[in-house]
Amino acid sequence: MDFRSLEQERAKFAYEKVGEVRKEDGDTQGRYVSYVKSAPVLILTNGLGQALAFYLSKLDRPIDVDYKTIDPKEFPEGDKMAYAYLYRHISEWLARRVTEGQDPLKYYMEHDGMSAIRLTDETIALLNWLKRFADAMLKKEKEQR
């Protein structure tokens, strides 16, 4: 029997997702590190819904787009690709753990305040792992200059 704690599942997911970004150019990696590190403050200051909407706006996507249609590979390297990875990683995890496959931004808008708190808490917990692995595995922005 394979029993993993939720923290172990988060860690495994984050490691795999940061590994995806590691295959990209240094500029994309550096921007991803920066965005992952600033994400918790953005979320706690503005709310998860606004943070997710902000990431979508950076991709020039409508607010009603399903996260599954966002492929980071379709964006040019750097800024948009890094935002696409971050949005996709957060959304994939939330869809797996909380929203039962539903797009997390839609779920956030359609459910009660307790659901929003649960989504936010789960996102911050995931971001802690993403930050640790991104910091350890990816090139930082200052290394690009």
Protein backbone atom coordinates (compact mmCIF):
# COMPACT_ATOMS: atom_id res chain seq x y z
CA MET A 1 0.00 0.00 0.00
CA ASP A 2 1.34 3.42 -0.99
CA PHE A 3 0.40 6.05 1.55
CA ARG A 4 1.65 9.60 1.09
CA SER A 5 0.85 12.60 3.20
CA LEU A 6 -0.67 15.66 1.58
CA GLU A 7 2.65 17.47 2.09
CA GLN A 8 4.45 14.70 0.22
CA GLU A 9 1.93 14.92 -2.62
CA ARG A 10 2.41 18.69 -2.82
CA ALA A 11 6.18 18.26 -2.83
CA LYS A 12 6.08 15.65 -5.61
CA PHE A 13 3.74 17.75 -7.73
CA ALA A 14 5.84 20.90 -7.23
CA TYR A 15 9.07 19.07 -8.06
CA GLU A 16 7.60 17.71 -11.28
CA LYS A 17 6.17 21.09 -12.31
CA VAL A 18 9.37 23.00 -11.62
CA GLY A 19 11.11 20.30 -13.66
CA GLU A 20 8.93 21.34 -16.63
CA VAL A 21 10.11 24.94 -16.29
CA ARG A 22 13.72 23.77 -15.99
CA LYS A 23 13.58 22.68 -19.64
CA GLU A 24 12.94 26.29 -20.74
CA ASP A 25 15.42 29.07 -21.41
CA GLY A 26 17.08 30.97 -18.56
CA ASP A 27 14.88 34.05 -18.98
CA THR A 28 11.70 32.02 -18.52
CA GLN A 29 13.23 30.24 -15.52
CA GLY A 30 14.25 33.51 -13.88
CA ARG A 31 10.85 35.08 -14.38
CA TYR A 32 9.11 31.98 -13.05
CA VAL A 33 11.23 32.09 -9.88
CA SER A 34 10.34 35.75 -9.43
CA TYR A 35 6.61 35.23 -10.02
CA VAL A 36 6.42 32.19 -7.73
CA LYS A 37 8.15 34.12 -4.95
CA SER A 38 5.80 37.10 -5.28
CA ALA A 39 2.61 35.05 -5.72
CA PRO A 40 1.77 34.58 -2.01
CA VAL A 41 1.91 38.34 -1.35
CA LEU A 42 -0.23 39.03 -4.42
CA ILE A 43 -2.78 36.45 -3.29
CA LEU A 44 -2.88 37.56 0.35
CA THR A 45 -3.11 41.23 -0.63
CA ASN A 46 -5.68 41.00 -3.42
CA GLY A 47 -7.29 37.59 -3.03
CA LEU A 48 -6.87 34.40 -5.01
CA GLY A 49 -9.56 35.27 -7.55
CA GLN A 50 -7.91 38.57 -8.44
CA ALA A 51 -4.47 36.96 -8.58
CA LEU A 52 -5.66 34.27 -10.99
CA ALA A 53 -7.45 36.90 -13.09
CA PHE A 54 -4.23 38.96 -13.12
CA TYR A 55 -2.25 35.98 -14.43
CA LEU A 56 -4.84 35.44 -17.15
CA SER A 57 -4.67 39.11 -18.12
CA LYS A 58 -0.92 38.75 -18.59
CA LEU A 59 -1.69 36.00 -21.10
CA ASP A 60 -4.30 38.08 -22.93
CA ARG A 61 -6.90 35.40 -22.23
CA PRO A 62 -10.57 35.90 -21.38
CA ILE A 63 -11.60 35.36 -17.80
CA ASP A 64 -13.85 32.44 -18.75
CA VAL A 65 -11.09 30.35 -20.35
CA ASP A 66 -10.62 26.87 -18.93
CA TYR A 67 -7.15 26.36 -17.44
CA LYS A 68 -6.74 23.12 -19.44
CA THR A 69 -6.58 25.15 -22.67
CA ILE A 70 -3.56 27.15 -21.53
CA ASP A 71 -0.38 25.61 -22.86
CA PRO A 72 2.79 27.45 -21.79
CA LYS A 73 4.53 26.22 -24.95
CA GLU A 74 2.27 28.40 -27.13
CA PHE A 75 3.65 31.58 -25.60
CA PRO A 76 6.94 33.22 -26.49
CA GLU A 77 9.76 32.60 -24.06
CA GLY A 78 10.10 34.71 -20.95
CA ASP A 79 7.31 36.75 -19.42
CA LYS A 80 4.14 35.18 -20.82
CA MET A 81 5.49 31.67 -20.72
CA ALA A 82 6.43 32.04 -17.05
CA TYR A 83 2.97 33.39 -16.19
CA ALA A 84 1.37 30.56 -18.16
CA TYR A 85 3.37 27.96 -16.24
CA LEU A 86 2.48 29.50 -12.90
CA TYR A 87 -1.22 29.80 -13.72
CA ARG A 88 -1.31 26.26 -15.07
CA HIS A 89 0.55 24.79 -12.08
CA ILE A 90 -1.72 26.44 -9.53
CA SER A 91 -4.84 25.52 -11.48
CA GLU A 92 -3.83 21.89 -12.04
CA TRP A 93 -3.15 21.38 -8.35
CA LEU A 94 -6.39 23.02 -7.22
CA ALA A 95 -8.41 21.07 -9.79
CA ARG A 96 -6.84 17.87 -8.52
CA ARG A 97 -7.14 18.57 -4.78
CA VAL A 98 -10.09 20.90 -4.25
CA THR A 99 -12.34 21.66 -7.23
CA GLU A 100 -12.82 18.09 -8.53
CA GLY A 101 -11.60 19.02 -12.00
CA GLN A 102 -13.48 22.30 -12.32
CA ASP A 103 -11.53 25.37 -13.38
CA PRO A 104 -10.33 26.95 -10.09
CA LEU A 105 -11.15 30.54 -11.06
CA LYS A 106 -14.70 29.58 -12.01
CA TYR A 107 -14.98 27.54 -8.82
CA TYR A 108 -13.73 30.50 -6.79
CA MET A 109 -16.38 32.78 -8.28
CA GLU A 110 -19.26 30.30 -7.92
CA HIS A 111 -18.75 29.03 -4.38
CA ASP A 112 -18.97 30.44 -0.86
CA GLY A 113 -16.38 32.22 1.24
CA MET A 114 -15.26 29.05 3.02
CA SER A 115 -14.44 27.50 -0.35
CA ALA A 116 -12.42 30.60 -1.26
CA ILE A 117 -10.47 30.27 1.98
CA ARG A 118 -9.79 26.59 1.33
CA LEU A 119 -8.59 27.36 -2.22
CA THR A 120 -6.37 30.14 -0.95
CA ASP A 121 -4.85 28.03 1.84
CA GLU A 122 -4.16 25.18 -0.55
CA THR A 123 -2.59 27.55 -3.09
CA ILE A 124 -0.26 29.08 -0.49
CA ALA A 125 0.77 25.61 0.70
CA LEU A 126 1.58 24.60 -2.89
CA LEU A 127 3.45 27.84 -3.55
CA ASN A 128 5.71 27.14 -0.56
CA TRP A 129 6.88 23.98 -2.31
CA LEU A 130 7.07 25.60 -5.75
CA LYS A 131 9.23 28.40 -4.29
CA ARG A 132 11.63 25.96 -2.62
CA PHE A 133 12.13 23.85 -5.73
CA ALA A 134 12.24 26.84 -8.10
CA ASP A 135 14.87 28.48 -5.94
CA ALA A 136 16.95 25.30 -5.88
CA MET A 137 16.49 24.12 -9.48
CA LEU A 138 16.06 27.18 -11.72
CA LYS A 139 18.23 30.06 -12.83
CA LYS A 140 17.45 33.34 -11.10
CA GLU A 141 16.85 36.62 -12.95
CA LYS A 142 20.09 38.20 -11.72
CA GLU A 143 22.01 35.23 -13.17
CA GLN A 144 20.64 36.19 -16.60
CA ARG A 145 22.27 39.63 -16.71
